Protein backbone atom coordinates (compact mmCIF):
# COMPACT_ATOMS: atom_id res chain seq x y z
CA MET A 1 -52.10 48.37 -22.70
CA LYS A 2 -51.00 44.84 -23.57
CA SER A 3 -49.34 42.97 -20.70
CA ARG A 4 -46.08 41.10 -21.35
CA SER A 5 -46.07 37.29 -21.04
CA GLY A 6 -43.10 34.89 -20.80
CA PHE A 7 -39.42 35.69 -20.31
CA THR A 8 -36.90 37.50 -22.43
CA LEU A 9 -33.78 35.70 -23.67
CA ILE A 10 -31.62 37.67 -21.21
CA GLU A 11 -33.79 36.62 -18.30
CA LEU A 12 -33.66 32.96 -19.32
CA LEU A 13 -29.87 33.08 -19.64
CA MET A 14 -29.57 34.67 -16.22
CA VAL A 15 -31.73 31.96 -14.65
CA ILE A 16 -29.71 29.22 -16.35
CA ALA A 17 -26.46 30.81 -15.15
CA ILE A 18 -27.72 31.01 -11.58
CA ILE A 19 -28.86 27.37 -11.66
CA ALA A 20 -25.45 26.32 -13.03
CA ILE A 21 -23.60 28.17 -10.27
CA VAL A 22 -25.81 26.73 -7.53
CA SER A 23 -25.44 23.22 -8.98
CA THR A 24 -21.65 23.54 -9.10
CA LEU A 25 -21.53 24.65 -5.49
CA ALA A 26 -23.85 21.84 -4.43
CA VAL A 27 -21.83 19.16 -6.24
CA SER A 28 -18.57 20.50 -4.78
CA LYS A 29 -20.09 20.49 -1.30
CA VAL A 30 -21.43 16.96 -1.67
CA GLY A 31 -18.09 15.79 -3.03
CA GLY A 32 -16.28 17.32 -0.06
CA VAL A 33 -18.70 15.76 2.41
CA ARG A 34 -18.26 12.35 0.79
CA GLU A 35 -14.46 12.54 0.95
CA SER A 36 -14.59 13.75 4.55
CA ALA A 37 -16.88 10.85 5.47
CA ALA A 38 -14.65 8.39 3.61
CA ARG A 39 -11.59 9.63 5.48
CA LYS A 40 -13.40 9.28 8.82
CA VAL A 41 -14.27 5.69 7.94
CA SER A 42 -10.66 5.14 6.89
CA LEU A 43 -9.40 6.46 10.22
CA ALA A 44 -11.76 4.07 12.03
CA ASN A 45 -10.45 1.25 9.82
CA GLN A 46 -6.85 2.03 10.76
CA LYS A 47 -7.69 1.93 14.47
CA ALA A 48 -9.63 -1.34 14.09
CA ILE A 49 -6.83 -2.94 12.08
CA GLU A 50 -4.22 -1.97 14.66
CA ARG A 51 -6.31 -3.48 17.47
CA GLY A 52 -7.08 -6.58 15.40
CA ILE A 53 -3.45 -7.27 14.47
CA GLU A 54 -2.25 -6.76 18.04
CA SER A 55 -4.88 -9.11 19.48
CA PHE A 56 -4.16 -11.67 16.77
CA LEU A 57 -0.44 -11.68 17.54
CA VAL A 58 -1.00 -11.80 21.30
CA SER A 59 -3.21 -14.87 20.82
CA GLY A 60 -0.42 -16.60 18.90
CA GLY A 61 -1.70 -15.93 15.38
CA ARG A 62 0.57 -16.31 12.36
CA LEU A 63 0.52 -13.44 9.86
CA ASN A 64 0.90 -15.48 6.70
CA ARG A 65 0.10 -14.36 3.13
CA LEU A 66 0.25 -10.59 3.45
CA ASP A 67 0.41 -8.63 0.20
CA SER A 68 3.81 -7.86 -1.21
CA LEU A 69 3.93 -4.29 -2.53
CA LEU A 70 6.32 -5.43 -5.26
CA TYR A 71 5.78 -7.09 -8.60
CA ALA A 72 6.15 -10.83 -8.82
CA GLY A 73 9.23 -11.91 -10.76
CA ASP A 74 9.21 -13.99 -13.92
CA GLY A 75 6.99 -17.02 -13.46
CA GLY A 76 6.05 -15.91 -9.96
CA ALA A 77 9.59 -16.23 -8.59
CA PRO A 78 10.50 -13.79 -5.83
CA ILE A 79 12.19 -10.52 -6.72
CA PHE A 80 15.81 -10.65 -5.62
CA GLY A 81 17.31 -7.36 -4.55
CA SER A 82 20.40 -5.81 -6.09
CA ALA A 83 21.59 -4.50 -2.73
CA THR A 84 23.68 -6.43 -0.22
CA PRO A 85 21.46 -8.68 1.95
CA GLY A 86 20.29 -6.67 4.93
CA ASP A 87 20.57 -3.37 3.09
CA PHE A 88 18.46 -0.70 1.35
CA ASP A 89 18.20 -0.23 -2.39
CA PHE A 90 17.18 3.44 -2.34
CA ASN A 91 17.15 3.98 -6.09
CA THR A 92 15.21 0.96 -7.37
CA VAL A 93 11.52 1.76 -7.83
CA SER A 94 10.45 0.21 -11.13
CA THR A 95 12.14 -0.69 -14.38
CA ALA A 96 10.73 -0.19 -17.86
CA GLU A 97 11.61 -3.76 -18.79
CA GLY A 98 10.20 -6.51 -16.60
CA ARG A 99 8.35 -4.08 -14.32
CA GLU A 100 10.36 -5.23 -11.33
CA GLY A 101 10.13 -3.08 -8.25
CA LEU A 102 7.24 -1.34 -6.52
CA TYR A 103 3.74 -2.21 -7.69
CA LEU A 104 2.95 0.68 -10.05
CA GLY A 105 0.17 -1.06 -11.97
CA PRO A 106 0.27 -3.89 -14.51
CA SER A 107 1.74 -3.25 -17.94
CA VAL A 108 -0.40 -3.72 -21.07
CA ASP A 109 0.27 -3.75 -24.81
CA ALA A 110 -0.63 -0.11 -25.24
CA ASP A 111 1.09 3.24 -25.51
CA GLU A 112 2.43 4.97 -22.42
CA ALA A 113 -0.49 7.40 -22.17
CA LEU A 114 -3.02 4.56 -22.06
CA ARG A 115 -0.95 2.71 -19.50
CA GLU A 116 -0.79 5.83 -17.34
CA GLU A 117 -4.54 6.35 -17.58
CA ARG A 118 -5.69 2.81 -16.84
CA ASN A 119 -3.03 1.22 -14.68
CA ARG A 120 -2.36 2.84 -11.34
CA GLY A 121 -0.86 0.64 -8.70
CA LEU A 122 0.25 2.17 -5.42
CA THR A 123 -0.97 5.71 -4.88
CA PRO A 124 1.74 8.22 -5.88
CA SER A 125 2.34 9.38 -2.30
CA LEU A 126 2.80 5.81 -1.04
CA ALA A 127 5.03 4.85 -3.98
CA ARG A 128 7.27 7.85 -3.28
CA VAL A 129 7.73 6.86 0.35
CA LEU A 130 8.70 3.22 -0.27
CA CYS A 131 11.87 1.65 -1.57
CA LEU A 132 13.34 -1.85 -1.82
CA TYR A 133 15.28 -3.74 0.82
CA THR A 134 17.06 -7.08 0.49
CA LEU A 135 16.38 -9.56 3.30
CA SER A 136 19.30 -11.24 4.97
CA ARG A 137 18.98 -14.87 5.99
CA ALA A 138 18.40 -13.96 9.64
CA GLN A 139 15.72 -11.44 8.70
CA ALA A 140 13.91 -13.88 6.39
CA GLU A 141 13.99 -16.58 9.08
CA ALA A 142 12.64 -14.12 11.66
CA PHE A 143 9.65 -13.30 9.46
CA ILE A 144 9.04 -16.99 8.79
CA ASP A 145 9.63 -18.52 12.22
CA ARG A 146 8.53 -15.77 14.58
CA LEU A 147 5.85 -13.95 12.59
CA GLY A 148 4.60 -16.90 10.54
CA LEU A 149 5.03 -14.99 7.26
CA ARG A 150 6.04 -17.87 5.01
CA TYR A 151 4.40 -16.54 1.83
CA VAL A 152 3.43 -13.17 0.43
CA MET A 153 1.00 -12.37 -2.37
CA ALA A 154 2.64 -10.47 -5.22
CA GLN A 155 0.89 -8.86 -8.19
CA THR A 156 1.87 -9.95 -11.68
CA ALA A 157 3.54 -7.53 -14.06
CA TYR A 158 0.85 -7.87 -16.72
CA ALA A 159 -2.89 -7.46 -16.31
CA ASP A 160 -3.73 -10.37 -18.62
CA ALA A 161 -1.31 -12.81 -16.97
CA GLU A 162 -2.51 -16.18 -15.74
CA PRO A 163 -2.70 -16.15 -11.94
CA THR A 164 -1.37 -19.07 -9.93
CA THR A 165 -3.46 -18.23 -6.91
CA PHE A 166 -6.39 -15.94 -6.30
CA PRO A 167 -7.44 -13.00 -4.13
CA SER A 168 -10.66 -14.62 -2.99
CA GLN A 169 -12.22 -18.02 -2.70
CA HIS A 170 -15.10 -16.70 -4.81
CA TYR A 171 -13.07 -16.79 -8.02
CA PRO A 172 -12.79 -20.02 -10.04
CA LYS A 173 -9.55 -21.96 -9.97
CA ASP A 174 -8.36 -21.23 -13.49
CA ARG A 175 -9.21 -17.53 -13.99
CA ALA A 176 -9.21 -14.33 -11.95
CA TYR A 177 -12.74 -13.17 -12.83
CA GLY A 178 -15.94 -14.98 -11.92
CA ASP A 179 -17.12 -15.07 -15.56
CA GLY A 180 -14.03 -17.00 -16.67
CA SER A 181 -12.15 -14.03 -18.14
CA VAL A 182 -8.86 -12.54 -17.00
CA PRO A 183 -8.25 -8.83 -16.35
CA ASN A 184 -6.70 -6.84 -19.17
CA GLY A 185 -5.79 -3.29 -20.03
CA SER A 186 -9.30 -2.26 -21.06
CA ASP A 187 -10.61 -3.26 -17.64
CA GLY A 188 -8.30 -0.88 -15.86
CA LEU A 189 -6.70 -1.92 -12.61
CA ASN A 190 -8.72 -3.67 -9.94
CA PRO A 191 -6.23 -4.66 -7.24
CA ASN A 192 -8.77 -7.03 -5.73
CA ALA A 193 -9.14 -9.05 -8.93
CA SER A 194 -5.80 -8.61 -10.73
CA ALA A 195 -3.80 -11.76 -11.26
CA ILE A 196 -1.49 -12.46 -8.32
CA VAL A 197 0.99 -15.16 -7.39
CA THR A 198 2.18 -16.75 -4.17
CA THR A 199 5.81 -15.91 -3.40
CA ALA A 200 7.83 -17.65 -0.69
CA VAL A 201 9.76 -15.48 1.74
CA THR A 202 13.43 -16.36 1.41
CA ASN A 203 16.98 -15.15 1.89
CA GLY A 204 17.98 -12.45 -0.63
CA MET A 205 14.39 -11.60 -1.48
CA ALA A 206 13.48 -7.92 -1.99
CA VAL A 207 10.64 -6.45 0.06
CA ALA A 208 9.18 -2.96 0.42
CA VAL A 209 10.31 -0.72 3.27
CA VAL A 210 9.62 2.88 4.23
CA ASN A 211 12.32 5.03 2.63
CA PRO A 212 14.00 7.13 5.35
CA MET A 213 15.61 9.33 2.68
CA THR A 214 12.26 11.03 2.01
CA ASP A 215 10.60 13.68 4.18
CA LEU A 216 7.38 11.69 4.53
CA GLY A 217 9.36 8.54 5.25
CA ARG A 218 11.26 10.29 8.02
CA THR A 219 7.93 11.47 9.48
CA ILE A 220 6.59 7.90 9.46
CA TYR A 221 9.67 6.60 11.29
CA GLN A 222 9.31 9.32 13.90
CA ALA A 223 5.57 8.63 14.29
CA PHE A 224 6.39 5.02 15.17
CA GLY A 225 8.94 5.89 17.82
CA GLN A 226 12.17 6.10 15.87
CA GLU A 227 13.52 9.62 16.34
CA LEU A 228 16.03 9.37 13.56
CA LEU A 229 17.39 11.84 11.01
CA ASN A 230 16.46 14.92 13.01
CA THR A 231 19.86 16.63 13.03
CA LYS A 232 19.18 18.64 9.87
CA ASN A 233 16.52 21.10 8.86
CA TRP A 234 13.36 19.94 7.06
CA GLY A 235 14.07 19.35 3.40
CA GLU A 236 17.83 18.94 3.78
CA SER A 237 19.17 15.72 2.33
CA TYR A 238 21.21 13.10 4.13
CA ASP A 239 24.02 11.01 2.77
CA GLU A 240 22.96 7.39 2.18
CA THR A 241 25.74 6.15 4.44
CA GLU A 242 24.48 8.39 7.27
CA VAL A 243 20.94 7.07 6.79
CA ARG A 244 21.98 3.42 6.82
CA ARG A 245 24.04 3.91 9.98
CA GLU A 246 21.35 5.78 11.90
CA VAL A 247 18.46 3.50 10.88
CA ALA A 248 20.47 0.45 11.95
CA ALA A 249 21.26 2.08 15.31
CA LYS A 250 17.69 3.14 16.06
CA GLY A 251 15.52 0.12 15.43
CA GLY A 252 16.07 -0.85 11.80
CA PRO A 253 13.88 -0.30 8.73
CA LEU A 254 10.09 -0.33 8.74
CA PHE A 255 9.00 -3.23 6.54
CA ALA A 256 5.74 -2.66 4.64
CA PHE A 257 3.17 -5.32 3.64
CA GLY A 258 -0.39 -4.85 2.41
CA LEU A 259 -3.38 -6.30 4.26
CA GLY A 260 -5.23 -8.21 1.53
CA ASP A 261 -8.00 -10.80 1.51
CA ASN A 262 -5.55 -13.72 1.64
CA ALA A 263 -3.90 -12.78 4.92
CA SER A 264 -4.37 -15.37 7.65
CA VAL A 265 -5.53 -12.65 10.05
CA ILE A 266 -8.68 -12.25 7.94
CA GLY A 267 -11.77 -14.29 8.80
CA ASN A 268 -11.61 -14.37 12.59
CA ALA A 269 -13.30 -11.50 14.39
CA ASN A 270 -12.37 -12.78 17.85
CA ALA A 271 -8.63 -12.54 17.28
CA GLY A 272 -8.18 -10.77 14.00
CA LEU A 273 -10.45 -9.17 11.40
CA GLU A 274 -13.60 -10.42 9.71
CA SER A 275 -12.58 -8.88 6.38
CA ALA A 276 -9.81 -6.78 4.86
CA PRO A 277 -11.08 -3.18 4.72
CA PHE A 278 -10.07 -0.77 1.99
CA ALA A 279 -10.11 2.99 1.67
CA THR A 280 -12.66 4.64 -0.62
CA PHE A 281 -11.29 8.18 -0.83
CA PRO A 282 -8.72 7.45 -3.61
CA LEU A 283 -9.69 6.18 -7.04
CA ARG A 284 -10.54 2.49 -7.03
CA LYS A 285 -7.90 1.97 -9.71
CA TYR A 286 -5.26 2.41 -7.02
CA TYR A 287 -4.21 -0.20 -4.50
CA THR A 288 -6.57 0.85 -1.71
CA ARG A 289 -5.61 -1.64 0.99
CA TYR A 290 -3.99 -0.66 4.25
CA VAL A 291 -0.30 -1.26 4.90
CA LEU A 292 1.13 -3.00 7.97
CA LEU A 293 4.55 -1.89 9.20
CA PHE A 294 7.01 -4.13 11.06
CA ARG A 295 10.49 -3.69 12.44
CA LEU A 296 13.05 -6.36 13.27
CA LYS A 297 14.85 -5.94 16.58
CA THR A 298 18.07 -7.73 17.48
CA MET A 299 18.05 -8.99 21.06
CA GLY A 300 21.07 -10.18 23.03
CA SER A 301 24.72 -9.74 22.25
CA GLY A 302 27.76 -11.63 21.08
CA SER A 303 27.07 -15.21 20.03
CA VAL A 304 23.66 -15.21 21.74
CA THR A 305 21.48 -12.98 19.58
CA ALA A 306 17.99 -13.27 18.15
CA THR A 307 16.11 -11.22 15.58
CA ILE A 308 12.57 -10.49 16.78
CA PRO A 309 9.82 -9.07 14.51
CA GLU A 310 7.69 -6.35 16.06
CA PHE A 311 4.41 -4.94 14.74
CA ALA A 312 4.85 -1.15 14.48
CA GLY A 313 1.46 0.04 13.21
CA VAL A 314 -0.74 0.81 10.22
CA ILE A 315 -0.63 3.41 7.47
CA ASP A 316 -3.34 4.00 4.88
CA CYS A 317 -2.93 3.68 1.12
CA GLU A 318 -1.55 7.22 0.89
CA GLY A 319 1.05 6.67 3.61
CA ASN A 320 -0.83 8.49 6.39
CA THR A 321 -0.19 7.39 9.97
CA LEU A 322 -3.03 7.46 12.49
CA ARG A 323 -1.88 10.89 13.67
CA ALA A 324 -1.80 12.29 10.14
CA ALA A 325 -5.16 10.72 9.26
CA GLN A 326 -6.70 12.18 12.43
CA HIS A 327 -5.41 15.63 11.47
CA MET A 328 -6.99 15.33 8.01
CA VAL A 329 -10.50 14.74 9.37
CA GLU A 330 -10.44 17.45 12.05
């Protein structure tokens, strides 16, 4: 009797199917392990940043040149808010013309689908939790005089724009990239190499703040010691007038600035940070820096009052507080 050699087609297909299933499971597992590890590193980064900022401020450091989370205005001029100075602009996120508002990625001469695919500024969760706020004169002076925040670094509206300053000393003085080219739409968004401009902090300037009208925003306020907007059930909306009144009564808004390479806290490990860390769990096309939160407290009464900036804490590029980030890695 002749013995059979080789495999039948059915047997080969079954083996291939089994290998495909095992490979899929392995890749999924590896991907999950990598994200879990990245989130653990991110949590450690948040803790290190919080310690570094606190020690830097205690030693008398000046937190100059933090990243603005807004677009730079025309020619690098600061964005001026449409709200009354010292007030929220809850509805302004970004405009189709001029790209003013939150940093949602540089515009390019391409159709909307291409722009959506290649240009992703703030992560969607962080963009949803931020809104604009117009600085009053007293608030601007408090940031300048007491925190040392005289300038912020704002991203340009267009990827191929000429930068007026640069995210790192390693780039040449006339271009954003080391090879002499400037970023454009085909490069996608690299927040660490996109053209940016220096913007002076001034009265009437718009800055990013945590939006207390959102559920996540309310959670962030509560995580940093402001037990506001807790008189209604989760998901119920508040009137804007109610929100303004309660935020003002319970510590004021949480101002948000990114921790980029240009910040003066970077480069000193003894009282600060050696480098500006970034998160690796989101896509690199997003702004992956960490965000520092500050509040401005009014001290005194009557004619003797002072506005004092206070460091509140750190959130990651998705808007997670330390508590939320810890929960995600457990």
